[in-house]
Amino acid sequence: MSTSTPKTDYSTWKLLAWTGPVFFIGFFVMWGLLADNFPPMAASTTAQDMWQHYKDLQTEIMVGMSVCMVLGSCYMTFGAAVSRVMRRIEGPEGMLANVEMMGATITYCPIVVACGIWLTCALQIDRLSPDMVQTMYYLAWMIIDLAYMVTSWQIIAAAVVFLRDKREKKLVPAWVSWWGFVTVASFFPVSLIPFFKTGPFAFHGMFNFWIAFPTWYVWIVSMSIFIIKAVSRIEIEDGAAQPKEVPVRGGAPLATR
């Protein structure tokens, strides 16, 4: 009984790799621009002003958050593509590829929950008191920001594996991996957001918004670019490693490399 090795589905792999840019662009436009979160409403904003913000931008926030809840899943599928590339370096029994994929999947959870809370604020704005709107606004920020360690494990796992790549030209350049460590370091001050409503350590402040978020975005964009390229490189490598059939006159073809 003969067995054959299943062919790698490079098309699906490439499709999942492209969901990284879909996530980044969609979230940037819908959460950042349409829902007016660049910059976000300050933590020091009064309850009445927060209520008015949601009233004035009710439709924009509802549309933006609804789309973000859907597109946020693209971060999970992007993580699956990264994990598969990591396995080509780490091997099928490697743990870090699993950590990366789980990190990307769980990262989607605080995103969808926080966006759902902001969406509900806009949807029910006429029934909510200013104090309730303020509380829900804070709650969403606590959830989406303070879950950073899950994403940190994802980034650390990817960085370690890609730095171990022995290829002369790494699938993912070393600078992307080192930038991952910078990104993780930028997350740690986020732990201070419950204690500050003004200044650089508030969730809208210099450290915890204008540094932490852009460093993560740069990591997503750069990792997406090189993962897309890596899948194509792996496809070429696999093709070069496949045995080729050489026809023999009067007999069955012979396999050769």
C-alpha atoms as a PDB file:
ATOM      1  CA  MET A   1       0.000   0.000   0.000  1.00  0.00           C
ATOM      2  CA  SER A   2       1.541   3.279  -1.112  1.00  0.00           C
ATOM      3  CA  THR A   3       1.066   6.589   0.615  1.00  0.00           C
ATOM      4  CA  SER A   4       1.659  10.036  -0.791  1.00  0.00           C
ATOM      5  CA  THR A   5       2.486  13.233   1.068  1.00  0.00           C
ATOM      6  CA  PRO A   6      -0.371  15.760   0.863  1.00  0.00           C
ATOM      7  CA  LYS A   7       0.482  18.797  -1.192  1.00  0.00           C
ATOM      8  CA  THR A   8       0.899  22.082   0.624  1.00  0.00           C
ATOM      9  CA  ASP A   9      -1.958  24.492  -0.063  1.00  0.00           C
ATOM     10  CA  TYR A  10       0.100  27.572  -0.825  1.00  0.00           C
ATOM     11  CA  SER A  11      -2.907  29.532  -2.107  1.00  0.00           C
ATOM     12  CA  THR A  12      -4.716  29.383   1.237  1.00  0.00           C
ATOM     13  CA  TRP A  13      -1.472  30.087   3.050  1.00  0.00           C
ATOM     14  CA  LYS A  14      -0.917  33.227   0.968  1.00  0.00           C
ATOM     15  CA  LEU A  15      -4.533  34.287   1.462  1.00  0.00           C
ATOM     16  CA  LEU A  16      -4.176  34.064   5.231  1.00  0.00           C
ATOM     17  CA  ALA A  17      -0.897  35.992   5.070  1.00  0.00           C
ATOM     18  CA  TRP A  18      -2.715  38.831   3.304  1.00  0.00           C
ATOM     19  CA  THR A  19      -5.213  39.131   6.154  1.00  0.00           C
ATOM     20  CA  GLY A  20      -2.504  40.936   8.136  1.00  0.00           C
ATOM     21  CA  PRO A  21      -2.700  44.025   5.890  1.00  0.00           C
ATOM     22  CA  VAL A  22      -6.505  43.691   5.829  1.00  0.00           C
ATOM     23  CA  PHE A  23      -6.572  43.876   9.631  1.00  0.00           C
ATOM     24  CA  PHE A  24      -4.194  46.808   9.841  1.00  0.00           C
ATOM     25  CA  ILE A  25      -5.799  48.917   7.111  1.00  0.00           C
ATOM     26  CA  GLY A  26      -9.351  48.118   8.202  1.00  0.00           C
ATOM     27  CA  PHE A  27      -8.688  48.853  11.877  1.00  0.00           C
ATOM     28  CA  PHE A  28      -6.760  52.030  11.084  1.00  0.00           C
ATOM     29  CA  VAL A  29      -9.560  53.405   8.908  1.00  0.00           C
ATOM     30  CA  MET A  30     -12.619  52.201  10.844  1.00  0.00           C
ATOM     31  CA  TRP A  31     -11.419  52.477  14.446  1.00  0.00           C
ATOM     32  CA  GLY A  32      -8.930  55.290  14.040  1.00  0.00           C
ATOM     33  CA  LEU A  33     -10.362  57.608  11.400  1.00  0.00           C
ATOM     34  CA  LEU A  34     -14.093  56.942  11.062  1.00  0.00           C
ATOM     35  CA  ALA A  35     -14.737  56.454  14.799  1.00  0.00           C
ATOM     36  CA  ASP A  36     -12.454  59.396  15.624  1.00  0.00           C
ATOM     37  CA  ASN A  37      -9.882  57.599  17.775  1.00  0.00           C
ATOM     38  CA  PHE A  38      -6.800  59.358  16.387  1.00  0.00           C
ATOM     39  CA  PRO A  39      -6.421  60.753  18.977  1.00  0.00           C
ATOM     40  CA  PRO A  40      -8.880  59.002  21.288  1.00  0.00           C
ATOM     41  CA  MET A  41     -11.104  60.924  23.662  1.00  0.00           C
ATOM     42  CA  ALA A  42      -9.006  61.748  26.715  1.00  0.00           C
ATOM     43  CA  ALA A  43      -9.439  59.859  29.972  1.00  0.00           C
ATOM     44  CA  SER A  44      -9.909  63.220  31.707  1.00  0.00           C
ATOM     45  CA  THR A  45     -12.946  64.109  29.581  1.00  0.00           C
ATOM     46  CA  THR A  46     -16.041  64.822  31.660  1.00  0.00           C
ATOM     47  CA  ALA A  47     -18.922  62.344  31.636  1.00  0.00           C
ATOM     48  CA  GLN A  48     -21.200  64.844  29.904  1.00  0.00           C
ATOM     49  CA  ASP A  49     -18.665  65.552  27.160  1.00  0.00           C
ATOM     50  CA  MET A  50     -18.188  61.798  26.617  1.00  0.00           C
ATOM     51  CA  TRP A  51     -21.938  61.387  26.274  1.00  0.00           C
ATOM     52  CA  GLN A  52     -22.055  64.227  23.745  1.00  0.00           C
ATOM     53  CA  HIS A  53     -19.162  62.693  21.788  1.00  0.00           C
ATOM     54  CA  TYR A  54     -21.110  59.461  21.343  1.00  0.00           C
ATOM     55  CA  LYS A  55     -24.270  61.372  20.509  1.00  0.00           C
ATOM     56  CA  ASP A  56     -22.565  63.497  17.841  1.00  0.00           C
ATOM     57  CA  LEU A  57     -20.713  60.551  16.254  1.00  0.00           C
ATOM     58  CA  GLN A  58     -23.337  57.865  16.848  1.00  0.00           C
ATOM     59  CA  THR A  59     -23.512  56.576  13.270  1.00  0.00           C
ATOM     60  CA  GLU A  60     -19.773  56.795  12.636  1.00  0.00           C
ATOM     61  CA  ILE A  61     -18.947  54.898  15.830  1.00  0.00           C
ATOM     62  CA  MET A  62     -21.600  52.253  15.165  1.00  0.00           C
ATOM     63  CA  VAL A  63     -20.315  51.610  11.645  1.00  0.00           C
ATOM     64  CA  GLY A  64     -16.645  51.724  12.651  1.00  0.00           C
ATOM     65  CA  MET A  65     -16.978  49.428  15.646  1.00  0.00           C
ATOM     66  CA  SER A  66     -19.224  46.962  13.790  1.00  0.00           C
ATOM     67  CA  VAL A  67     -16.647  46.578  11.018  1.00  0.00           C
ATOM     68  CA  CYS A  68     -13.784  46.323  13.525  1.00  0.00           C
ATOM     69  CA  MET A  69     -15.526  43.474  15.337  1.00  0.00           C
ATOM     70  CA  VAL A  70     -15.605  41.551  12.055  1.00  0.00           C
ATOM     71  CA  LEU A  71     -12.202  42.523  10.661  1.00  0.00           C
ATOM     72  CA  GLY A  72     -10.518  41.914  14.012  1.00  0.00           C
ATOM     73  CA  SER A  73     -10.691  38.200  13.215  1.00  0.00           C
ATOM     74  CA  CYS A  74      -8.147  38.822  10.454  1.00  0.00           C
ATOM     75  CA  TYR A  75      -5.511  39.175  13.167  1.00  0.00           C
ATOM     76  CA  MET A  76      -6.206  35.565  14.126  1.00  0.00           C
ATOM     77  CA  THR A  77      -5.876  34.282  10.560  1.00  0.00           C
ATOM     78  CA  PHE A  78      -2.736  36.352  10.053  1.00  0.00           C
ATOM     79  CA  GLY A  79      -1.307  34.686  13.158  1.00  0.00           C
ATOM     80  CA  ALA A  80      -2.052  31.272  11.649  1.00  0.00           C
ATOM     81  CA  ALA A  81       0.001  32.156   8.552  1.00  0.00           C
ATOM     82  CA  VAL A  82       2.895  33.382  10.708  1.00  0.00           C
ATOM     83  CA  SER A  83       2.755  30.170  12.739  1.00  0.00           C
ATOM     84  CA  ARG A  84       3.060  28.000   9.617  1.00  0.00           C
ATOM     85  CA  VAL A  85       6.140  29.895   8.477  1.00  0.00           C
ATOM     86  CA  MET A  86       7.630  29.507  11.953  1.00  0.00           C
ATOM     87  CA  ARG A  87       7.169  25.722  11.750  1.00  0.00           C
ATOM     88  CA  ARG A  88       9.477  25.639   8.720  1.00  0.00           C
ATOM     89  CA  ILE A  89      12.203  26.908  11.040  1.00  0.00           C
ATOM     90  CA  GLU A  90      11.234  25.401  14.383  1.00  0.00           C
ATOM     91  CA  GLY A  91       9.982  22.034  13.148  1.00  0.00           C
ATOM     92  CA  PRO A  92       6.562  20.396  13.545  1.00  0.00           C
ATOM     93  CA  GLU A  93       7.038  19.714  17.262  1.00  0.00           C
ATOM     94  CA  GLY A  94       8.034  23.278  18.168  1.00  0.00           C
ATOM     95  CA  MET A  95       6.086  24.996  20.950  1.00  0.00           C
ATOM     96  CA  LEU A  96       6.715  28.607  19.992  1.00  0.00           C
ATOM     97  CA  ALA A  97       4.685  28.349  16.795  1.00  0.00           C
ATOM     98  CA  ASN A  98       1.759  27.264  18.958  1.00  0.00           C
ATOM     99  CA  VAL A  99       2.326  30.164  21.347  1.00  0.00           C
ATOM    100  CA  GLU A 100       2.332  32.604  18.433  1.00  0.00           C
ATOM    101  CA  MET A 101      -0.914  31.272  16.967  1.00  0.00           C
ATOM    102  CA  MET A 102      -2.650  31.169  20.361  1.00  0.00           C
ATOM    103  CA  GLY A 103      -1.439  34.697  21.098  1.00  0.00           C
ATOM    104  CA  ALA A 104      -2.857  36.016  17.840  1.00  0.00           C
ATOM    105  CA  THR A 105      -6.154  34.206  18.420  1.00  0.00           C
ATOM    106  CA  ILE A 106      -6.593  35.402  21.997  1.00  0.00           C
ATOM    107  CA  THR A 107      -5.585  38.959  21.023  1.00  0.00           C
ATOM    108  CA  TYR A 108      -8.777  39.087  18.976  1.00  0.00           C
ATOM    109  CA  CYS A 109     -10.853  38.570  22.152  1.00  0.00           C
ATOM    110  CA  PRO A 110     -10.145  41.924  23.873  1.00  0.00           C
ATOM    111  CA  ILE A 111     -10.443  43.664  20.504  1.00  0.00           C
ATOM    112  CA  VAL A 112     -13.930  42.310  19.819  1.00  0.00           C
ATOM    113  CA  VAL A 113     -15.108  42.840  23.411  1.00  0.00           C
ATOM    114  CA  ALA A 114     -13.849  46.435  23.615  1.00  0.00           C
ATOM    115  CA  CYS A 115     -15.282  47.337  20.222  1.00  0.00           C
ATOM    116  CA  GLY A 116     -18.567  45.726  21.250  1.00  0.00           C
ATOM    117  CA  ILE A 117     -18.707  47.939  24.347  1.00  0.00           C
ATOM    118  CA  TRP A 118     -17.993  51.109  22.343  1.00  0.00           C
ATOM    119  CA  LEU A 119     -20.599  50.017  19.787  1.00  0.00           C
ATOM    120  CA  THR A 120     -23.192  49.503  22.521  1.00  0.00           C
ATOM    121  CA  CYS A 121     -22.478  52.967  23.928  1.00  0.00           C
ATOM    122  CA  ALA A 122     -23.270  54.495  20.548  1.00  0.00           C
ATOM    123  CA  LEU A 123     -26.259  52.237  19.907  1.00  0.00           C
ATOM    124  CA  GLN A 124     -27.902  52.943  23.274  1.00  0.00           C
ATOM    125  CA  ILE A 125     -26.693  56.521  23.759  1.00  0.00           C
ATOM    126  CA  ASP A 126     -30.198  57.944  24.257  1.00  0.00           C
ATOM    127  CA  ARG A 127     -30.878  55.460  27.061  1.00  0.00           C
ATOM    128  CA  LEU A 128     -27.564  55.768  28.881  1.00  0.00           C
ATOM    129  CA  SER A 129     -26.610  58.354  31.476  1.00  0.00           C
ATOM    130  CA  PRO A 130     -23.356  60.279  31.048  1.00  0.00           C
ATOM    131  CA  ASP A 131     -21.844  58.406  34.026  1.00  0.00           C
ATOM    132  CA  MET A 132     -22.703  55.044  32.444  1.00  0.00           C
ATOM    133  CA  VAL A 133     -21.174  56.089  29.115  1.00  0.00           C
ATOM    134  CA  GLN A 134     -18.002  57.155  30.895  1.00  0.00           C
ATOM    135  CA  THR A 135     -17.826  53.876  32.797  1.00  0.00           C
ATOM    136  CA  MET A 136     -18.293  51.796  29.646  1.00  0.00           C
ATOM    137  CA  TYR A 137     -15.721  53.889  27.792  1.00  0.00           C
ATOM    138  CA  TYR A 138     -13.164  53.271  30.543  1.00  0.00           C
ATOM    139  CA  LEU A 139     -14.062  49.579  30.694  1.00  0.00           C
ATOM    140  CA  ALA A 140     -13.367  49.077  26.987  1.00  0.00           C
ATOM    141  CA  TRP A 141      -9.977  50.773  27.280  1.00  0.00           C
ATOM    142  CA  MET A 142      -8.999  48.680  30.293  1.00  0.00           C
ATOM    143  CA  ILE A 143      -9.865  45.499  28.370  1.00  0.00           C
ATOM    144  CA  ILE A 144      -8.175  46.314  25.067  1.00  0.00           C
ATOM    145  CA  ASP A 145      -5.023  47.754  26.672  1.00  0.00           C
ATOM    146  CA  LEU A 146      -4.348  45.596  29.716  1.00  0.00           C
ATOM    147  CA  ALA A 147      -4.550  42.350  27.738  1.00  0.00           C
ATOM    148  CA  TYR A 148      -1.224  43.321  26.138  1.00  0.00           C
ATOM    149  CA  MET A 149       0.727  40.394  27.605  1.00  0.00           C
ATOM    150  CA  VAL A 150      -1.085  37.901  25.367  1.00  0.00           C
ATOM    151  CA  THR A 151       0.056  39.836  22.300  1.00  0.00           C
ATOM    152  CA  SER A 152       3.514  40.164  23.839  1.00  0.00           C
ATOM    153  CA  TRP A 153       3.903  36.373  24.029  1.00  0.00           C
ATOM    154  CA  GLN A 154       2.861  36.148  20.388  1.00  0.00           C
ATOM    155  CA  ILE A 155       5.483  38.695  19.325  1.00  0.00           C
ATOM    156  CA  ILE A 156       8.234  37.216  21.518  1.00  0.00           C
ATOM    157  CA  ALA A 157       7.614  33.711  20.148  1.00  0.00           C
ATOM    158  CA  ALA A 158       7.816  34.940  16.551  1.00  0.00           C
ATOM    159  CA  ALA A 159      10.942  36.995  17.216  1.00  0.00           C
ATOM    160  CA  VAL A 160      12.822  34.121  18.865  1.00  0.00           C
ATOM    161  CA  VAL A 161      12.034  31.644  16.091  1.00  0.00           C
ATOM    162  CA  PHE A 162      12.828  33.965  13.198  1.00  0.00           C
ATOM    163  CA  LEU A 163      16.138  34.937  14.791  1.00  0.00           C
ATOM    164  CA  ARG A 164      17.001  31.213  14.833  1.00  0.00           C
ATOM    165  CA  ASP A 165      16.514  30.910  11.068  1.00  0.00           C
ATOM    166  CA  LYS A 166      19.761  29.473   9.654  1.00  0.00           C
ATOM    167  CA  ARG A 167      19.126  30.523   6.066  1.00  0.00           C
ATOM    168  CA  GLU A 168      21.704  32.811   4.542  1.00  0.00           C
ATOM    169  CA  LYS A 169      18.834  35.199   3.901  1.00  0.00           C
ATOM    170  CA  LYS A 170      16.353  34.828   6.745  1.00  0.00           C
ATOM    171  CA  LEU A 171      12.670  34.435   5.907  1.00  0.00           C
ATOM    172  CA  VAL A 172      12.002  37.396   8.183  1.00  0.00           C
ATOM    173  CA  PRO A 173      14.871  39.892   8.596  1.00  0.00           C
ATOM    174  CA  ALA A 174      16.484  40.158  12.013  1.00  0.00           C
ATOM    175  CA  TRP A 175      15.495  43.807  12.364  1.00  0.00           C
ATOM    176  CA  VAL A 176      11.811  42.841  12.318  1.00  0.00           C
ATOM    177  CA  SER A 177      12.410  40.419  15.184  1.00  0.00           C
ATOM    178  CA  TRP A 178      14.348  42.996  17.181  1.00  0.00           C
ATOM    179  CA  TRP A 179      11.587  45.517  16.525  1.00  0.00           C
ATOM    180  CA  GLY A 180       9.240  42.950  18.044  1.00  0.00           C
ATOM    181  CA  PHE A 181      11.167  43.156  21.318  1.00  0.00           C
ATOM    182  CA  VAL A 182      10.930  46.968  21.155  1.00  0.00           C
ATOM    183  CA  THR A 183       7.185  46.615  20.673  1.00  0.00           C
ATOM    184  CA  VAL A 184       6.846  44.361  23.712  1.00  0.00           C
ATOM    185  CA  ALA A 185       8.884  46.795  25.810  1.00  0.00           C
ATOM    186  CA  SER A 186       6.607  49.653  24.733  1.00  0.00           C
ATOM    187  CA  PHE A 187       3.601  47.742  26.090  1.00  0.00           C
ATOM    188  CA  PHE A 188       4.704  47.550  29.729  1.00  0.00           C
ATOM    189  CA  PRO A 189       3.884  51.183  30.693  1.00  0.00           C
ATOM    190  CA  VAL A 190       0.294  50.390  29.655  1.00  0.00           C
ATOM    191  CA  SER A 191      -0.084  48.739  33.068  1.00  0.00           C
ATOM    192  CA  LEU A 192      -0.234  52.258  34.509  1.00  0.00           C
ATOM    193  CA  ILE A 193      -3.406  53.382  32.692  1.00  0.00           C
ATOM    194  CA  PRO A 194      -5.778  52.708  35.620  1.00  0.00           C
ATOM    195  CA  PHE A 195      -3.829  55.216  37.724  1.00  0.00           C
ATOM    196  CA  PHE A 196      -3.549  58.172  35.317  1.00  0.00           C
ATOM    197  CA  LYS A 197      -6.193  60.256  33.567  1.00  0.00           C
ATOM    198  CA  THR A 198      -3.727  62.841  32.300  1.00  0.00           C
ATOM    199  CA  GLY A 199      -0.116  62.819  31.171  1.00  0.00           C
ATOM    200  CA  PRO A 200       1.958  60.304  29.185  1.00  0.00           C
ATOM    201  CA  PHE A 201       0.714  57.239  31.084  1.00  0.00           C
ATOM    202  CA  ALA A 202      -3.015  57.806  30.538  1.00  0.00           C
ATOM    203  CA  PHE A 203      -4.513  55.578  27.843  1.00  0.00           C
ATOM    204  CA  HIS A 204      -4.535  58.533  25.437  1.00  0.00           C
ATOM    205  CA  GLY A 205      -1.082  59.734  26.508  1.00  0.00           C
ATOM    206  CA  MET A 206       2.306  59.833  24.814  1.00  0.00           C
ATOM    207  CA  PHE A 207       3.627  56.501  26.096  1.00  0.00           C
ATOM    208  CA  ASN A 208       0.478  54.420  26.176  1.00  0.00           C
ATOM    209  CA  PHE A 209      -1.066  55.540  22.913  1.00  0.00           C
ATOM    210  CA  TRP A 210       1.328  57.449  20.680  1.00  0.00           C
ATOM    211  CA  ILE A 211       4.236  55.075  21.326  1.00  0.00           C
ATOM    212  CA  ALA A 212       2.671  51.699  22.173  1.00  0.00           C
ATOM    213  CA  PHE A 213       0.143  51.593  19.341  1.00  0.00           C
ATOM    214  CA  PRO A 214       2.421  52.815  16.504  1.00  0.00           C
ATOM    215  CA  THR A 215       5.208  50.383  17.460  1.00  0.00           C
ATOM    216  CA  TRP A 216       2.688  47.523  17.286  1.00  0.00           C
ATOM    217  CA  TYR A 217       1.362  48.787  13.944  1.00  0.00           C
ATOM    218  CA  VAL A 218       4.894  48.928  12.517  1.00  0.00           C
ATOM    219  CA  TRP A 219       5.459  45.339  13.676  1.00  0.00           C
ATOM    220  CA  ILE A 220       2.212  44.155  12.056  1.00  0.00           C
ATOM    221  CA  VAL A 221       2.971  45.885   8.744  1.00  0.00           C
ATOM    222  CA  SER A 222       6.597  44.720   8.548  1.00  0.00           C
ATOM    223  CA  MET A 223       5.753  41.163   9.643  1.00  0.00           C
ATOM    224  CA  SER A 224       2.911  41.021   7.105  1.00  0.00           C
ATOM    225  CA  ILE A 225       5.179  42.081   4.259  1.00  0.00           C
ATOM    226  CA  PHE A 226       7.838  39.482   5.015  1.00  0.00           C
ATOM    227  CA  ILE A 227       5.406  36.660   5.790  1.00  0.00           C
ATOM    228  CA  ILE A 228       3.771  37.165   2.397  1.00  0.00           C
ATOM    229  CA  LYS A 229       7.227  37.036   0.800  1.00  0.00           C
ATOM    230  CA  ALA A 230       8.234  34.069   2.966  1.00  0.00           C
ATOM    231  CA  VAL A 231       5.342  31.921   1.722  1.00  0.00           C
ATOM    232  CA  SER A 232       6.443  32.499  -1.871  1.00  0.00           C
ATOM    233  CA  ARG A 233      10.048  31.671  -0.962  1.00  0.00           C
ATOM    234  CA  ILE A 234       8.987  28.472   0.793  1.00  0.00           C
ATOM    235  CA  GLU A 235       6.951  27.455  -2.240  1.00  0.00           C
ATOM    236  CA  ILE A 236      10.061  27.865  -4.416  1.00  0.00           C
ATOM    237  CA  GLU A 237      12.182  25.939  -1.901  1.00  0.00           C
ATOM    238  CA  ASP A 238       9.671  23.093  -1.816  1.00  0.00           C
ATOM    239  CA  GLY A 239       9.505  22.993  -5.591  1.00  0.00           C
ATOM    240  CA  ALA A 240      13.282  22.777  -5.872  1.00  0.00           C
ATOM    241  CA  ALA A 241      13.336  19.911  -3.365  1.00  0.00           C
ATOM    242  CA  GLN A 242      10.747  17.814  -5.206  1.00  0.00           C
ATOM    243  CA  PRO A 243      12.073  14.834  -7.203  1.00  0.00           C
ATOM    244  CA  LYS A 244      11.643  15.186 -10.947  1.00  0.00           C
ATOM    245  CA  GLU A 245      10.565  12.368 -13.200  1.00  0.00           C
ATOM    246  CA  VAL A 246      12.928  11.525 -16.043  1.00  0.00           C
ATOM    247  CA  PRO A 247      11.355   9.480 -18.840  1.00  0.00           C
ATOM    248  CA  VAL A 248      13.187   6.257 -19.725  1.00  0.00           C
ATOM    249  CA  ARG A 249      12.644   4.628 -23.097  1.00  0.00           C
ATOM    250  CA  GLY A 250      10.812   1.348 -22.756  1.00  0.00           C
ATOM    251  CA  GLY A 251      10.300   1.621 -19.032  1.00  0.00           C
ATOM    252  CA  ALA A 252       8.708   3.552 -16.213  1.00  0.00           C
ATOM    253  CA  PRO A 253       9.941   7.073 -15.483  1.00  0.00           C
ATOM    254  CA  LEU A 254      12.639   7.370 -12.898  1.00  0.00           C
ATOM    255  CA  ALA A 255      12.586   9.920 -10.115  1.00  0.00           C
ATOM    256  CA  THR A 256      15.636  12.095  -9.754  1.00  0.00           C
ATOM    257  CA  ARG A 257      16.520  15.357  -8.108  1.00  0.00           C
END
